N, C-alpha and C. Protein backbone atom coordinates (compact mmCIF):
# COMPACT_ATOMS: atom_id res chain seq x y z
N MET A 1 0.58 -0.78 0.07
CA MET A 1 0.16 -0.04 0.21
C MET A 1 1.00 1.92 0.37
N LEU A 2 0.59 1.62 -0.78
CA LEU A 2 1.38 3.48 -0.51
C LEU A 2 1.40 4.29 0.69
N SER A 3 2.29 4.70 1.38
CA SER A 3 2.04 5.78 2.37
C SER A 3 1.59 6.54 1.91
N LYS A 4 0.33 7.32 2.92
CA LYS A 4 -0.21 8.70 2.32
C LYS A 4 1.07 10.09 1.99
N ARG A 5 2.29 10.17 2.72
CA ARG A 5 3.64 10.86 1.93
C ARG A 5 3.55 11.13 0.59
N HIS A 6 3.68 9.92 0.54
CA HIS A 6 4.67 9.06 -1.15
C HIS A 6 3.23 9.71 -2.08
N LEU A 7 2.11 9.21 -1.53
CA LEU A 7 1.23 9.85 -3.11
C LEU A 7 0.40 11.19 -2.82
N ALA A 8 0.97 11.51 -1.36
CA ALA A 8 0.62 13.18 -1.15
C ALA A 8 2.09 13.96 -2.16
N PHE A 9 2.57 13.69 -2.49
CA PHE A 9 4.48 13.89 -3.01
C PHE A 9 3.78 13.90 -4.97
N ASN A 10 3.30 12.40 -4.74
CA ASN A 10 3.30 11.70 -6.32
C ASN A 10 1.66 12.62 -6.93
N ILE A 11 1.01 13.47 -6.28
CA ILE A 11 -0.49 13.64 -6.20
C ILE A 11 0.59 15.71 -6.82
N ALA A 12 1.63 15.87 -6.09
CA ALA A 12 1.98 16.92 -5.54
C ALA A 12 2.69 17.58 -7.49
N MET A 13 3.04 16.13 -7.16
CA MET A 13 4.75 16.18 -8.51
C MET A 13 4.10 16.14 -10.19
N ILE A 14 2.61 15.66 -9.52
CA ILE A 14 2.63 16.13 -11.12
C ILE A 14 1.66 17.07 -11.82
N VAL A 15 0.81 18.05 -10.53
CA VAL A 15 -0.24 18.79 -10.01
C VAL A 15 0.12 20.08 -10.30
N PHE A 16 1.59 20.19 -10.13
CA PHE A 16 2.79 21.47 -9.40
C PHE A 16 2.97 21.73 -11.29
N PRO A 17 3.86 21.06 -12.03
CA PRO A 17 4.08 21.17 -13.05
C PRO A 17 3.80 21.79 -14.07
N TRP A 18 2.31 20.66 -14.27
CA TRP A 18 1.29 20.88 -15.09
C TRP A 18 0.09 22.22 -15.03
N LEU A 19 -0.35 22.99 -13.89
CA LEU A 19 -0.01 24.08 -13.85
C LEU A 19 0.56 25.14 -14.02
N SER A 20 1.42 25.43 -14.28
CA SER A 20 2.63 26.00 -14.91
C SER A 20 2.62 25.75 -16.81
N VAL A 21 2.29 25.02 -17.41
CA VAL A 21 1.80 24.49 -18.72
C VAL A 21 0.83 25.67 -18.48
N LEU A 22 -0.36 26.11 -18.57
CA LEU A 22 -1.29 27.66 -18.37
C LEU A 22 -0.64 28.16 -18.72
N PHE A 23 1.23 29.09 -17.98
CA PHE A 23 1.83 29.67 -19.12
C PHE A 23 2.08 29.69 -19.52
N LEU A 24 2.47 28.83 -20.52
CA LEU A 24 3.56 28.66 -21.56
C LEU A 24 2.89 28.99 -23.51
N GLY A 25 1.84 28.98 -22.90
CA GLY A 25 0.86 29.31 -24.68
C GLY A 25 0.40 27.59 -25.12
N LYS A 26 -0.54 28.45 -25.39
CA LYS A 26 -1.40 27.39 -26.74
C LYS A 26 0.09 26.87 -27.92
N ARG A 27 0.49 28.10 -28.28
CA ARG A 27 0.87 28.10 -29.63
C ARG A 27 2.32 27.12 -29.05
N ASN A 28 3.00 27.39 -28.05
CA ASN A 28 4.90 26.83 -26.95
C ASN A 28 3.90 25.59 -26.56
N ILE A 29 2.66 25.10 -26.74
CA ILE A 29 2.46 23.43 -25.83
C ILE A 29 2.39 23.09 -27.09
N LYS A 30 1.77 23.78 -28.69
CA LYS A 30 1.79 22.55 -29.45
C LYS A 30 2.84 22.67 -30.86
N ARG A 31 3.35 23.40 -30.37
CA ARG A 31 4.99 23.51 -30.66
C ARG A 31 5.72 22.57 -30.11
N PHE A 32 6.01 22.76 -28.12
CA PHE A 32 6.60 21.32 -28.26
C PHE A 32 6.84 20.44 -27.43
N PHE A 33 5.19 19.93 -27.14
CA PHE A 33 4.46 18.92 -27.07
C PHE A 33 4.79 17.95 -27.95
N PRO A 34 4.84 17.69 -29.18
CA PRO A 34 5.01 16.75 -29.58
C PRO A 34 7.02 15.49 -29.23
N ALA A 35 7.51 17.24 -29.17
CA ALA A 35 8.94 16.32 -28.82
C ALA A 35 8.78 15.85 -27.54
N ALA A 36 8.23 16.36 -26.67
CA ALA A 36 7.95 15.71 -25.60
C ALA A 36 8.14 14.52 -24.82
N LEU A 37 6.59 14.83 -26.50
CA LEU A 37 6.09 13.26 -25.22
C LEU A 37 6.94 12.30 -26.24
N ILE A 38 7.59 12.20 -27.62
CA ILE A 38 8.82 11.43 -27.73
C ILE A 38 9.81 10.61 -26.80
N THR A 39 10.10 12.03 -26.20
CA THR A 39 11.23 11.49 -25.18
C THR A 39 10.84 11.48 -23.80
N ILE A 40 9.49 11.47 -23.84
CA ILE A 40 8.96 11.10 -22.33
C ILE A 40 9.01 8.65 -23.14
N ILE A 41 8.68 8.38 -23.85
CA ILE A 41 7.18 7.47 -24.32
C ILE A 41 9.05 6.49 -23.72
N PHE A 42 10.44 7.03 -24.46
CA PHE A 42 11.10 6.39 -24.41
C PHE A 42 11.94 7.09 -23.22
N GLU A 43 11.73 7.63 -22.35
CA GLU A 43 11.86 8.07 -20.46
C GLU A 43 10.68 6.59 -19.49
N MET A 44 10.35 6.35 -20.22
CA MET A 44 9.22 5.33 -19.79
C MET A 44 10.12 4.06 -20.05
N MET A 45 10.00 3.76 -21.20
CA MET A 45 10.73 2.53 -21.51
C MET A 45 12.12 2.47 -21.02
N ASN A 46 12.84 3.33 -21.19
CA ASN A 46 13.93 3.35 -19.24
C ASN A 46 13.88 3.02 -18.87
N ALA A 47 12.98 3.85 -17.70
CA ALA A 47 12.30 3.57 -16.78
C ALA A 47 11.79 2.18 -16.42
N LYS A 48 10.78 2.02 -16.53
CA LYS A 48 11.00 -0.14 -16.69
C LYS A 48 12.71 -1.42 -16.40
N VAL A 49 13.14 -0.21 -17.72
CA VAL A 49 14.02 -0.68 -17.22
C VAL A 49 15.25 -0.94 -15.78
N GLY A 50 14.82 0.64 -15.98
CA GLY A 50 15.65 0.12 -14.51
C GLY A 50 14.74 0.70 -12.66
N GLN A 51 13.82 0.05 -13.39
CA GLN A 51 13.15 -0.77 -12.47
C GLN A 51 13.33 -1.86 -11.72
N LYS A 52 14.04 -2.68 -13.76
CA LYS A 52 14.35 -4.01 -12.93
C LYS A 52 15.24 -4.27 -12.53
N ARG A 53 16.61 -2.84 -13.10
CA ARG A 53 17.30 -3.71 -12.85
C ARG A 53 17.66 -3.31 -11.00
N LYS A 54 16.57 -2.69 -10.58
CA LYS A 54 17.08 -1.46 -9.20
C LYS A 54 18.08 -0.05 -9.48
N TRP A 55 18.08 0.14 -10.33
CA TRP A 55 19.00 1.29 -9.66
C TRP A 55 18.66 2.65 -9.17
N TRP A 56 16.33 2.12 -9.28
CA TRP A 56 16.55 3.38 -7.52
C TRP A 56 15.44 2.32 -6.90
N VAL A 57 15.07 2.48 -5.46
CA VAL A 57 14.47 1.69 -4.75
C VAL A 57 13.25 2.14 -4.39
N PHE A 58 11.90 1.75 -4.13
CA PHE A 58 10.85 2.84 -3.70
C PHE A 58 11.11 2.23 -2.05
N TYR A 59 10.28 3.06 -1.22
CA TYR A 59 10.20 2.80 0.52
C TYR A 59 9.01 1.65 0.35
N ASP A 60 7.93 2.02 -0.40
CA ASP A 60 6.98 1.42 0.05
C ASP A 60 6.86 -0.40 -0.14
N ASN A 61 8.09 -0.44 -1.23
CA ASN A 61 8.34 -1.89 -1.55
C ASN A 61 7.04 -2.11 -2.84
N ARG A 62 7.24 -1.51 -3.79
CA ARG A 62 6.03 -1.82 -4.76
C ARG A 62 6.38 -1.88 -5.54
N LYS A 63 6.27 -3.24 -6.52
CA LYS A 63 6.68 -2.65 -8.11
C LYS A 63 6.32 -2.36 -9.68
N SER A 64 5.32 -1.44 -8.53
CA SER A 64 3.80 -0.76 -9.52
C SER A 64 4.56 0.27 -10.01
N PHE A 65 4.61 0.07 -11.59
CA PHE A 65 5.75 1.55 -12.35
C PHE A 65 4.11 2.80 -12.03
N ILE A 66 3.36 2.26 -12.09
CA ILE A 66 2.37 3.13 -11.90
C ILE A 66 3.02 4.14 -11.10
N SER A 67 2.55 3.54 -9.69
CA SER A 67 2.31 5.03 -8.23
C SER A 67 4.39 5.51 -8.25
N ASN A 68 4.46 5.07 -8.80
CA ASN A 68 6.37 5.04 -8.11
C ASN A 68 7.03 5.70 -9.03
N GLU A 69 7.58 5.21 -10.58
CA GLU A 69 8.15 6.08 -11.62
C GLU A 69 7.24 6.90 -12.55
N LEU A 70 6.18 6.49 -12.62
CA LEU A 70 5.34 7.05 -13.69
C LEU A 70 4.91 8.79 -13.41
N PRO A 71 4.68 9.34 -12.05
CA PRO A 71 4.84 10.51 -11.45
C PRO A 71 5.36 10.81 -12.01
N PHE A 72 7.49 10.22 -11.85
CA PHE A 72 8.11 11.47 -12.20
C PHE A 72 8.21 11.52 -13.03
N SER A 73 8.12 10.39 -13.92
CA SER A 73 7.66 10.76 -16.13
C SER A 73 7.06 11.81 -16.12
N VAL A 74 5.62 12.16 -16.26
CA VAL A 74 4.54 12.87 -16.16
C VAL A 74 4.77 13.84 -15.78
N GLY A 75 4.91 13.67 -14.82
CA GLY A 75 4.55 15.74 -13.53
C GLY A 75 5.77 16.07 -13.78
N PRO A 76 6.83 16.34 -13.68
CA PRO A 76 8.07 16.89 -14.02
C PRO A 76 8.69 17.39 -15.08
N PHE A 77 8.47 15.93 -15.82
CA PHE A 77 9.40 15.59 -17.08
C PHE A 77 9.22 16.54 -17.81
N ILE A 78 7.55 16.09 -19.30
CA ILE A 78 6.92 16.62 -19.84
C ILE A 78 6.54 17.82 -19.26
N PRO A 79 6.38 18.65 -18.91
CA PRO A 79 6.36 20.23 -18.39
C PRO A 79 6.85 20.27 -18.96
N GLY A 80 8.68 20.19 -17.66
CA GLY A 80 9.58 20.60 -17.24
C GLY A 80 10.41 20.72 -18.66
N SER A 81 10.09 19.63 -19.81
CA SER A 81 11.01 19.45 -21.25
C SER A 81 10.25 20.86 -21.76
N MET A 82 8.84 21.06 -21.87
CA MET A 82 8.51 22.24 -23.17
C MET A 82 8.66 23.13 -22.31
N TRP A 83 8.98 23.29 -21.43
CA TRP A 83 9.71 25.39 -20.25
C TRP A 83 10.90 24.85 -21.16
N ILE A 84 11.82 24.51 -20.80
CA ILE A 84 13.15 24.34 -21.49
C ILE A 84 13.44 24.70 -22.94
N LEU A 85 12.64 23.41 -23.62
CA LEU A 85 12.14 24.24 -25.23
C LEU A 85 12.21 25.35 -25.33
N LYS A 86 11.16 25.82 -24.81
CA LYS A 86 10.35 27.12 -24.49
C LYS A 86 11.65 28.45 -24.85
N PHE A 87 12.85 28.50 -23.74
CA PHE A 87 13.37 29.48 -23.13
C PHE A 87 15.44 28.99 -23.91
N THR A 88 15.39 27.66 -24.25
CA THR A 88 16.61 27.41 -25.03
C THR A 88 16.56 27.00 -26.32
N TYR A 89 15.83 26.13 -27.05
CA TYR A 89 15.29 26.11 -28.38
C TYR A 89 16.52 27.08 -29.69
N GLY A 90 17.16 26.66 -29.93
CA GLY A 90 17.65 27.07 -31.10
C GLY A 90 18.91 27.26 -30.34
N ASN A 91 19.21 27.25 -29.76
CA ASN A 91 20.97 28.18 -28.43
C ASN A 91 21.20 26.96 -28.43
N LEU A 92 21.95 25.75 -28.50
CA LEU A 92 22.15 24.62 -28.32
C LEU A 92 24.12 24.40 -27.07
N LYS A 93 23.56 25.26 -26.91
CA LYS A 93 24.69 25.92 -25.67
C LYS A 93 23.48 25.81 -24.40
N ASN A 94 22.57 26.13 -24.47
CA ASN A 94 22.10 27.02 -23.32
C ASN A 94 21.12 26.05 -23.57
N PHE A 95 20.74 25.65 -24.36
CA PHE A 95 20.17 23.55 -23.81
C PHE A 95 20.40 23.11 -22.82
N LEU A 96 22.19 23.11 -23.29
CA LEU A 96 22.50 22.08 -22.87
C LEU A 96 22.78 21.66 -20.92
N LEU A 97 23.11 23.43 -20.85
CA LEU A 97 22.94 23.94 -19.88
C LEU A 97 22.21 23.59 -18.32
N LEU A 98 21.12 24.49 -19.16
CA LEU A 98 20.38 24.72 -18.32
C LEU A 98 19.63 22.40 -18.30
N ASN A 99 20.40 22.14 -19.29
CA ASN A 99 19.49 20.68 -18.18
C ASN A 99 20.48 19.78 -17.87
N ALA A 100 21.75 20.42 -18.09
CA ALA A 100 22.48 19.48 -16.39
C ALA A 100 22.56 20.71 -15.78
N ALA A 101 21.85 22.28 -15.79
CA ALA A 101 21.48 22.23 -14.03
C ALA A 101 19.81 21.38 -13.52
N VAL A 102 19.01 21.47 -14.45
CA VAL A 102 17.86 20.67 -13.79
C VAL A 102 18.17 19.59 -13.33
N ASP A 103 19.27 18.87 -14.87
CA ASP A 103 18.88 17.22 -14.14
C ASP A 103 20.19 16.70 -12.64
N GLY A 104 21.12 17.74 -13.28
CA GLY A 104 22.27 17.91 -11.76
C GLY A 104 21.55 18.08 -10.66
N PHE A 105 20.63 19.15 -10.59
CA PHE A 105 20.02 19.08 -8.72
C PHE A 105 18.84 18.04 -9.10
N PHE A 106 18.24 17.54 -9.68
CA PHE A 106 17.59 16.78 -9.85
C PHE A 106 18.30 15.80 -8.96
N ALA A 107 19.82 15.05 -9.83
CA ALA A 107 20.66 13.88 -9.30
C ALA A 107 21.11 13.80 -8.53
N PHE A 108 21.19 14.97 -7.72
CA PHE A 108 21.81 15.41 -6.95
C PHE A 108 21.74 16.06 -5.17
N ILE A 109 21.12 16.83 -5.43
CA ILE A 109 19.98 17.33 -4.61
C ILE A 109 18.87 17.21 -4.37
N LEU A 110 17.55 15.93 -5.03
CA LEU A 110 16.14 16.47 -5.52
C LEU A 110 16.81 14.67 -4.27
N THR A 111 17.72 13.89 -4.20
CA THR A 111 17.65 12.25 -4.51
C THR A 111 17.75 11.73 -2.77
N LYS A 112 18.75 12.94 -2.47
CA LYS A 112 19.01 13.14 -1.16
C LYS A 112 17.32 13.34 -0.50
N PHE A 113 17.06 14.44 -1.21
CA PHE A 113 15.42 15.08 -0.42
C PHE A 113 14.27 13.93 -0.68
N LEU A 114 14.24 13.31 -0.99
CA LEU A 114 13.63 11.57 -1.79
C LEU A 114 13.75 10.71 -0.27
N GLU A 115 14.92 10.40 -0.12
CA GLU A 115 15.49 9.16 0.27
C GLU A 115 15.41 9.80 2.82
N LYS A 116 15.60 11.22 2.29
CA LYS A 116 15.36 12.18 3.82
C LYS A 116 14.17 11.14 4.06
N VAL A 117 13.26 11.96 3.14
CA VAL A 117 11.22 12.27 3.82
C VAL A 117 10.60 10.38 3.24
N LYS A 118 11.76 9.02 2.64
CA LYS A 118 11.46 7.75 2.94
C LYS A 118 10.18 7.68 1.65
N ILE A 119 10.77 7.88 0.21
CA ILE A 119 10.49 7.97 -0.57
C ILE A 119 10.96 7.12 -1.58
N ALA A 120 11.78 7.28 -1.93
CA ALA A 120 13.21 6.24 -3.13
C ALA A 120 14.13 6.60 -2.61
N ARG A 121 15.20 6.01 -3.21
CA ARG A 121 16.04 6.20 -2.63
C ARG A 121 17.33 5.64 -4.21
N LEU A 122 18.26 5.58 -4.38
CA LEU A 122 19.64 5.29 -5.97
C LEU A 122 19.52 4.18 -4.63
N GLY A 123 19.17 2.77 -5.25
CA GLY A 123 19.75 0.96 -5.53
C GLY A 123 21.44 1.54 -6.01
N ARG A 124 21.70 0.85 -7.53
CA ARG A 124 22.50 0.01 -8.29
C ARG A 124 23.64 0.97 -8.63
N LEU A 125 22.70 2.32 -8.73
CA LEU A 125 23.22 3.24 -9.53
C LEU A 125 24.21 4.58 -8.57
N ASN A 126 25.12 4.76 -8.25
CA ASN A 126 25.36 6.01 -7.76
C ASN A 126 24.59 7.72 -9.24
N GLU A 127 24.41 8.88 -7.70
CA GLU A 127 24.58 9.52 -8.32
C GLU A 127 24.81 10.68 -9.99
N PHE A 128 26.19 10.31 -9.69
CA PHE A 128 26.38 10.32 -11.22
C PHE A 128 26.27 10.43 -12.60
N GLN A 129 26.30 8.35 -12.14
CA GLN A 129 25.42 7.56 -12.99
C GLN A 129 24.40 7.94 -13.26
N PHE A 130 22.74 8.23 -11.98
CA PHE A 130 21.97 9.08 -11.72
C PHE A 130 22.23 9.84 -13.36
N PHE A 131 22.78 10.88 -12.71
CA PHE A 131 23.09 12.28 -13.35
C PHE A 131 23.49 11.72 -15.20
N ILE A 132 23.85 10.93 -15.62
CA ILE A 132 24.67 10.56 -16.94
C ILE A 132 22.68 10.12 -17.79
N TYR A 133 22.52 9.08 -16.73
CA TYR A 133 21.25 8.68 -16.88
C TYR A 133 20.36 9.28 -17.84
N LEU A 134 19.91 9.82 -16.98
CA LEU A 134 19.29 11.92 -16.94
C LEU A 134 19.30 12.81 -18.20
N PHE A 135 20.63 12.93 -18.30
CA PHE A 135 20.35 14.03 -19.12
C PHE A 135 21.40 13.50 -20.49
N TYR A 136 21.63 11.74 -21.01
CA TYR A 136 21.60 11.11 -22.12
C TYR A 136 20.78 11.93 -22.99
N LYS A 137 18.95 11.22 -22.07
CA LYS A 137 17.73 11.71 -22.82
C LYS A 137 18.05 13.48 -23.78
N VAL A 138 18.60 14.08 -23.56
CA VAL A 138 18.70 15.35 -24.19
C VAL A 138 18.63 15.10 -24.77
N VAL A 139 19.55 13.99 -26.20
CA VAL A 139 19.79 13.89 -28.04
C VAL A 139 19.00 14.04 -27.75
N LEU A 140 17.77 13.41 -27.02
CA LEU A 140 16.75 12.65 -28.23
C LEU A 140 15.51 13.63 -27.91
N LEU A 141 15.77 14.58 -27.18
CA LEU A 141 15.34 16.00 -27.38
C LEU A 141 15.54 16.73 -28.53
N TYR A 142 16.46 16.93 -28.35
CA TYR A 142 16.51 18.75 -28.96
C TYR A 142 16.16 17.61 -30.44
N SER A 143 17.49 16.26 -30.69
CA SER A 143 16.74 15.95 -32.43
C SER A 143 14.96 15.88 -31.97
N ALA A 144 14.09 15.26 -31.05
CA ALA A 144 12.93 15.17 -31.70
C ALA A 144 12.28 16.87 -31.75
N GLN A 145 12.75 17.40 -31.14
CA GLN A 145 12.60 18.66 -31.72
C GLN A 145 12.85 19.68 -32.56
N TYR A 146 13.53 19.06 -33.86
CA TYR A 146 14.55 19.63 -34.86
C TYR A 146 13.85 18.78 -35.30
N PHE A 147 13.24 17.71 -35.90
CA PHE A 147 12.88 17.01 -36.55
C PHE A 147 11.01 17.92 -36.88
N VAL A 148 10.95 17.78 -36.06
CA VAL A 148 10.16 17.68 -35.54
C VAL A 148 9.53 19.61 -36.21
N GLU A 149 10.38 20.79 -35.78
CA GLU A 149 10.36 21.81 -36.69
C GLU A 149 10.78 21.61 -38.12
N ASN A 150 11.27 20.81 -38.84
CA ASN A 150 12.36 20.24 -39.80
C ASN A 150 11.39 19.39 -40.45
N LYS A 151 9.89 18.52 -40.56
CA LYS A 151 9.91 17.53 -41.42
C LYS A 151 8.93 19.04 -42.43
N ARG A 152 8.59 19.62 -42.83
CA ARG A 152 8.89 19.87 -44.06
C ARG A 152 9.79 19.30 -45.11
N ASN A 153 11.10 19.68 -44.36
CA ASN A 153 12.18 19.83 -45.06
C ASN A 153 12.64 18.00 -45.05
N PHE A 154 12.04 17.69 -43.95
CA PHE A 154 12.00 15.52 -43.97
C PHE A 154 11.47 15.38 -45.40
N THR A 155 10.04 15.58 -45.64
CA THR A 155 9.45 14.89 -46.64
C THR A 155 9.45 15.52 -47.61
N ASN A 156 9.36 16.97 -47.82
CA ASN A 156 9.82 17.86 -49.10
C ASN A 156 10.57 17.56 -49.02
N ALA A 157 11.86 17.15 -49.75
CA ALA A 157 13.84 17.69 -49.33
C ALA A 157 13.19 18.04 -50.29
N ASN A 158 12.28 17.56 -52.31
CA ASN A 158 12.56 18.51 -53.21
C ASN A 158 12.12 17.34 -53.99
N PRO A 159 10.45 18.19 -54.43
CA PRO A 159 9.47 18.22 -54.74
C PRO A 159 9.15 17.67 -56.99
N GLU A 160 10.52 18.93 -57.29
CA GLU A 160 10.73 18.44 -58.57
C GLU A 160 11.22 17.43 -59.04
N ILE A 161 12.47 16.64 -58.38
CA ILE A 161 13.54 15.50 -58.57
C ILE A 161 12.44 14.26 -58.38
N ASN A 162 12.40 13.35 -59.33
CA ASN A 162 11.36 12.09 -59.45
C ASN A 162 12.77 10.90 -59.57
N TYR A 163 12.61 9.99 -58.46
CA TYR A 163 13.91 9.75 -57.69
C TYR A 163 13.35 8.23 -58.97
N TYR A 164 12.49 8.06 -58.83
CA TYR A 164 12.09 6.77 -60.04
C TYR A 164 12.20 6.89 -60.92
N ASP A 165 12.62 7.29 -61.97
CA ASP A 165 12.20 8.06 -63.59
C ASP A 165 14.01 6.85 -63.73
């Protein structure tokens, strides 16, 4: 059974980031949501691998993906990705620096807090390995956004050339 503390944390972790999306603007949501969605699907597959390999452990001793890993993915990850893309897309250096700062905060500071309040702790990963686990997905996020923004160029590269003649 999920503790009240864990349940309250999960609810807050989902509700507050999504409330911030109200200030993102409809145009930016439409622009950045597809890349965030692609990345979150990849992240959820990674989280299942991490759960099986015990890279992290939840104190409620449940193997439930929905009550443990999913709130971390759905809550801060999707809105956070859209906000980061809004402020930094087009400037790769700033994108990487801001993602490194956010992922570093999560890997080095928030994990200690989660352990202190008995929600989760790192298992077979140390903090630096967990940071790499979080950070390597930024390449997918930026690439997905680049593809979404330039999909017309990929689909209609040169409509006058007929490659089948």
